Amino acid sequence: MHIVIHLSNEFITEAVSQLLITNGYDTVVVGGGSPTNGFTPDVLLVDVASVRHTRSAQYQNAKVLLMDTGTEPEKLCATLLSYRVHGVLSPHTEFPLFKKALTAVSEGKLWIDNGAVKTLLHDTGNISRKGKISHITSREQEIIECICRGLSNNEIARRLTLSPHTVKTHLNTIFTKLNVTSRSKLIALVAHRPRGVSV
């Protein structure tokens, strides 16, 4: 199996790389968009910080396995909604289970470890039992609704009687909370939320 590792933590990258190479996996470590010189991976091993920088178009047939390196629940959930991820794995997973995860994901199956399941299903996650995205204020809620209607910052400012600067500040906070980097990704996140969940 061919694996590209693109993790933001150098210590974890080195440990995972050595573990995989020792166990016979063909592995390449990349970072900062460095090329893989024709290496065609079956699996991309990424984390929340690197998933947006991994050029998945370059590896169209590769499956994405997200390593949850202590990600905040909100960011984990937002990442799963924003990117095409085939599995979630803890770096503390014992190697036999790690091998099963790699095999399952490379075969096109989904894999999610118990810790991630608990994060996503319990109230500590991004989506609460009440059907709201956690930590979003009512003012941020109004701004998200305006963004989804296609309003500009100036139009939102007029509608909500705020200054454009205040709208921009709120928007930056929303992007950070939901781990998105643009209006279009925010709209996609809202559009792909589970049925019955409001923002």
Protein backbone atom coordinates (compact mmCIF):
# COMPACT_ATOMS: atom_id res chain seq x y z
CA MET A 1 0.00 0.00 0.00
CA HIS A 2 1.27 3.50 -0.89
CA ILE A 3 0.76 6.24 1.69
CA VAL A 4 1.43 9.99 1.62
CA ILE A 5 1.81 11.50 5.10
CA HIS A 6 1.07 15.21 5.47
CA LEU A 7 0.74 16.01 9.18
CA SER A 8 1.44 19.35 10.81
CA ASN A 9 3.21 17.85 13.84
CA GLU A 10 6.78 16.81 12.95
CA PHE A 11 7.12 14.45 15.93
CA ILE A 12 3.95 12.54 15.04
CA THR A 13 4.93 12.56 11.35
CA GLU A 14 8.30 10.97 12.11
CA ALA A 15 6.82 8.37 14.46
CA VAL A 16 4.04 7.37 12.04
CA SER A 17 6.42 7.31 9.07
CA GLN A 18 8.91 5.03 10.84
CA LEU A 19 6.10 2.76 12.04
CA LEU A 20 4.67 2.37 8.54
CA ILE A 21 8.03 1.91 6.80
CA THR A 22 9.10 -0.68 9.40
CA ASN A 23 5.92 -2.61 8.67
CA GLY A 24 6.44 -2.67 4.90
CA TYR A 25 4.32 0.27 3.75
CA ASP A 26 5.59 2.40 0.86
CA THR A 27 5.50 5.85 2.44
CA VAL A 28 6.32 9.42 1.41
CA VAL A 29 6.25 12.41 3.77
CA VAL A 30 5.26 15.75 2.24
CA GLY A 31 4.87 19.23 3.62
CA GLY A 32 4.23 22.70 2.32
CA GLY A 33 3.06 21.39 -1.04
CA SER A 34 6.32 19.53 -1.74
CA PRO A 35 6.04 17.17 -4.73
CA THR A 36 5.88 13.39 -4.45
CA ASN A 37 7.79 12.84 -7.73
CA GLY A 38 5.27 10.55 -9.39
CA PHE A 39 4.41 8.62 -6.24
CA THR A 40 0.75 7.59 -6.46
CA PRO A 41 -0.72 7.01 -2.99
CA ASP A 42 -3.65 4.83 -2.03
CA VAL A 43 -4.14 6.81 1.20
CA LEU A 44 -3.42 10.39 2.24
CA LEU A 45 -2.76 10.61 5.98
CA VAL A 46 -3.56 14.18 7.07
CA ASP A 47 -4.73 16.17 10.10
CA VAL A 48 -7.11 19.11 10.50
CA ALA A 49 -4.31 21.65 9.98
CA SER A 50 -2.98 20.02 6.79
CA VAL A 51 -6.12 18.69 5.08
CA ARG A 52 -6.89 22.01 3.39
CA HIS A 53 -3.32 22.27 2.06
CA THR A 54 -3.08 18.73 0.71
CA ARG A 55 -3.60 18.92 -3.02
CA SER A 56 -6.10 16.10 -3.28
CA ALA A 57 -6.62 16.93 -6.97
CA GLN A 58 -3.06 15.70 -7.46
CA TYR A 59 -4.06 12.39 -5.82
CA GLN A 60 -7.55 11.93 -7.27
CA ASN A 61 -7.87 8.24 -6.47
CA ALA A 62 -6.36 8.42 -2.98
CA LYS A 63 -8.57 8.09 0.08
CA VAL A 64 -8.17 10.60 2.93
CA LEU A 65 -7.55 9.31 6.45
CA LEU A 66 -7.71 12.12 9.01
CA MET A 67 -5.53 11.72 12.08
CA ASP A 68 -7.24 13.43 15.02
CA THR A 69 -4.26 14.85 16.91
CA GLY A 70 -6.28 16.40 19.74
CA THR A 71 -8.55 18.48 17.54
CA GLU A 72 -11.26 20.58 19.18
CA PRO A 73 -14.64 18.89 18.63
CA GLU A 74 -15.97 21.90 16.70
CA LYS A 75 -13.07 21.83 14.25
CA LEU A 76 -13.27 18.07 13.81
CA CYS A 77 -16.96 18.19 12.92
CA ALA A 78 -16.51 21.20 10.62
CA THR A 79 -13.62 19.45 8.85
CA LEU A 80 -15.68 16.32 8.26
CA LEU A 81 -18.43 18.48 6.77
CA SER A 82 -16.06 20.56 4.64
CA TYR A 83 -13.67 18.00 3.16
CA ARG A 84 -13.94 14.57 1.57
CA VAL A 85 -12.64 12.44 4.43
CA HIS A 86 -12.87 8.64 4.37
CA GLY A 87 -11.77 7.94 7.93
CA VAL A 88 -10.79 9.38 11.31
CA LEU A 89 -8.10 7.85 13.47
CA SER A 90 -6.42 8.68 16.78
CA PRO A 91 -2.59 8.76 16.87
CA HIS A 92 -2.87 6.57 19.99
CA THR A 93 -4.44 3.71 18.01
CA GLU A 94 -2.58 0.43 18.37
CA PHE A 95 -0.91 -0.71 15.16
CA PRO A 96 -3.16 -3.73 14.38
CA LEU A 97 -6.17 -1.38 14.41
CA PHE A 98 -4.20 1.23 12.44
CA LYS A 99 -3.56 -1.43 9.74
CA LYS A 100 -7.27 -2.28 9.64
CA ALA A 101 -8.12 1.40 9.24
CA LEU A 102 -5.64 1.83 6.37
CA THR A 103 -6.96 -1.27 4.61
CA ALA A 104 -10.61 -0.29 5.07
CA VAL A 105 -10.07 3.27 3.83
CA SER A 106 -7.93 2.17 0.86
CA GLU A 107 -10.78 -0.18 -0.17
CA GLY A 108 -13.25 2.71 -0.15
CA LYS A 109 -14.86 1.86 3.17
CA LEU A 110 -15.38 4.40 5.93
CA TRP A 111 -13.47 4.18 9.20
CA ILE A 112 -14.00 6.17 12.37
CA ASP A 113 -12.49 5.28 15.72
CA ASN A 114 -14.45 5.19 18.96
CA GLY A 115 -13.04 8.46 20.31
CA ALA A 116 -14.19 10.38 17.24
CA VAL A 117 -17.62 8.71 17.37
CA LYS A 118 -18.04 9.84 20.98
CA THR A 119 -16.97 13.37 20.06
CA LEU A 120 -19.46 13.56 17.22
CA LEU A 121 -22.40 11.93 19.00
CA HIS A 122 -22.25 13.62 22.37
CA ASP A 123 -23.08 17.17 23.34
CA THR A 124 -19.40 18.11 23.47
CA GLY A 125 -19.30 18.12 19.67
CA ASN A 126 -19.98 20.86 17.17
CA ILE A 127 -23.63 19.97 16.79
CA SER A 128 -25.51 19.83 20.06
CA ARG A 129 -28.54 17.74 20.98
CA LYS A 130 -30.66 20.86 20.61
CA GLY A 131 -29.77 20.97 16.92
CA LYS A 132 -27.66 24.11 17.11
CA ILE A 133 -24.04 24.60 16.19
CA SER A 134 -22.33 25.24 19.52
CA HIS A 135 -20.76 28.53 20.50
CA ILE A 136 -22.50 30.56 17.77
CA THR A 137 -24.08 33.68 19.22
CA SER A 138 -27.45 34.98 18.09
CA ARG A 139 -25.73 37.89 16.30
CA GLU A 140 -23.41 35.46 14.49
CA GLN A 141 -26.48 33.40 13.60
CA GLU A 142 -28.05 36.46 11.97
CA ILE A 143 -24.86 37.17 10.02
CA ILE A 144 -24.64 33.56 8.80
CA GLU A 145 -28.24 33.76 7.59
CA CYS A 146 -27.44 36.99 5.72
CA ILE A 147 -24.34 35.42 4.14
CA CYS A 148 -26.45 32.47 2.97
CA ARG A 149 -28.83 34.97 1.32
CA GLY A 150 -25.88 36.41 -0.61
CA LEU A 151 -25.66 39.78 1.16
CA SER A 152 -22.41 41.74 1.15
CA ASN A 153 -20.79 43.04 4.35
CA ASN A 154 -22.19 46.52 3.68
CA GLU A 155 -25.71 45.14 3.11
CA ILE A 156 -25.47 43.11 6.32
CA ALA A 157 -24.27 46.19 8.20
CA ARG A 158 -27.27 48.20 6.99
CA ARG A 159 -29.74 45.41 7.73
CA LEU A 160 -28.43 44.76 11.26
CA THR A 161 -27.50 48.40 12.01
CA LEU A 162 -23.83 47.59 12.51
CA SER A 163 -20.67 49.09 11.08
CA PRO A 164 -19.04 47.20 8.17
CA HIS A 165 -15.97 46.76 10.40
CA THR A 166 -18.09 45.04 13.08
CA VAL A 167 -19.61 42.74 10.46
CA LYS A 168 -16.11 41.84 9.24
CA THR A 169 -15.00 41.10 12.82
CA HIS A 170 -18.03 38.85 13.41
CA LEU A 171 -17.39 37.07 10.11
CA ASN A 172 -13.75 36.38 11.01
CA THR A 173 -14.91 34.94 14.35
CA ILE A 174 -17.48 32.74 12.59
CA PHE A 175 -14.84 31.45 10.15
CA THR A 176 -12.55 30.57 13.05
CA LYS A 177 -15.30 28.84 15.06
CA LEU A 178 -16.48 26.77 12.10
CA ASN A 179 -13.01 26.20 10.62
CA VAL A 180 -13.89 27.64 7.20
CA THR A 181 -11.91 30.11 5.12
CA SER A 182 -14.46 31.68 2.79
CA ARG A 183 -18.11 32.62 2.41
CA SER A 184 -18.62 29.79 -0.09
CA LYS A 185 -17.27 27.21 2.39
CA LEU A 186 -19.49 28.65 5.12
CA ILE A 187 -22.52 28.32 2.83
CA ALA A 188 -21.46 24.75 1.92
CA LEU A 189 -21.15 23.89 5.62
CA VAL A 190 -24.64 25.21 6.33
CA ALA A 191 -26.08 23.49 3.26
CA HIS A 192 -24.59 20.10 4.17
CA ARG A 193 -25.51 20.11 7.85
CA PRO A 194 -27.57 17.12 8.98
CA ARG A 195 -31.34 17.45 8.49
CA GLY A 196 -32.98 19.21 11.40
CA VAL A 197 -29.78 20.98 12.51
CA SER A 198 -29.84 24.74 12.29
CA VAL A 199 -26.97 27.18 12.42
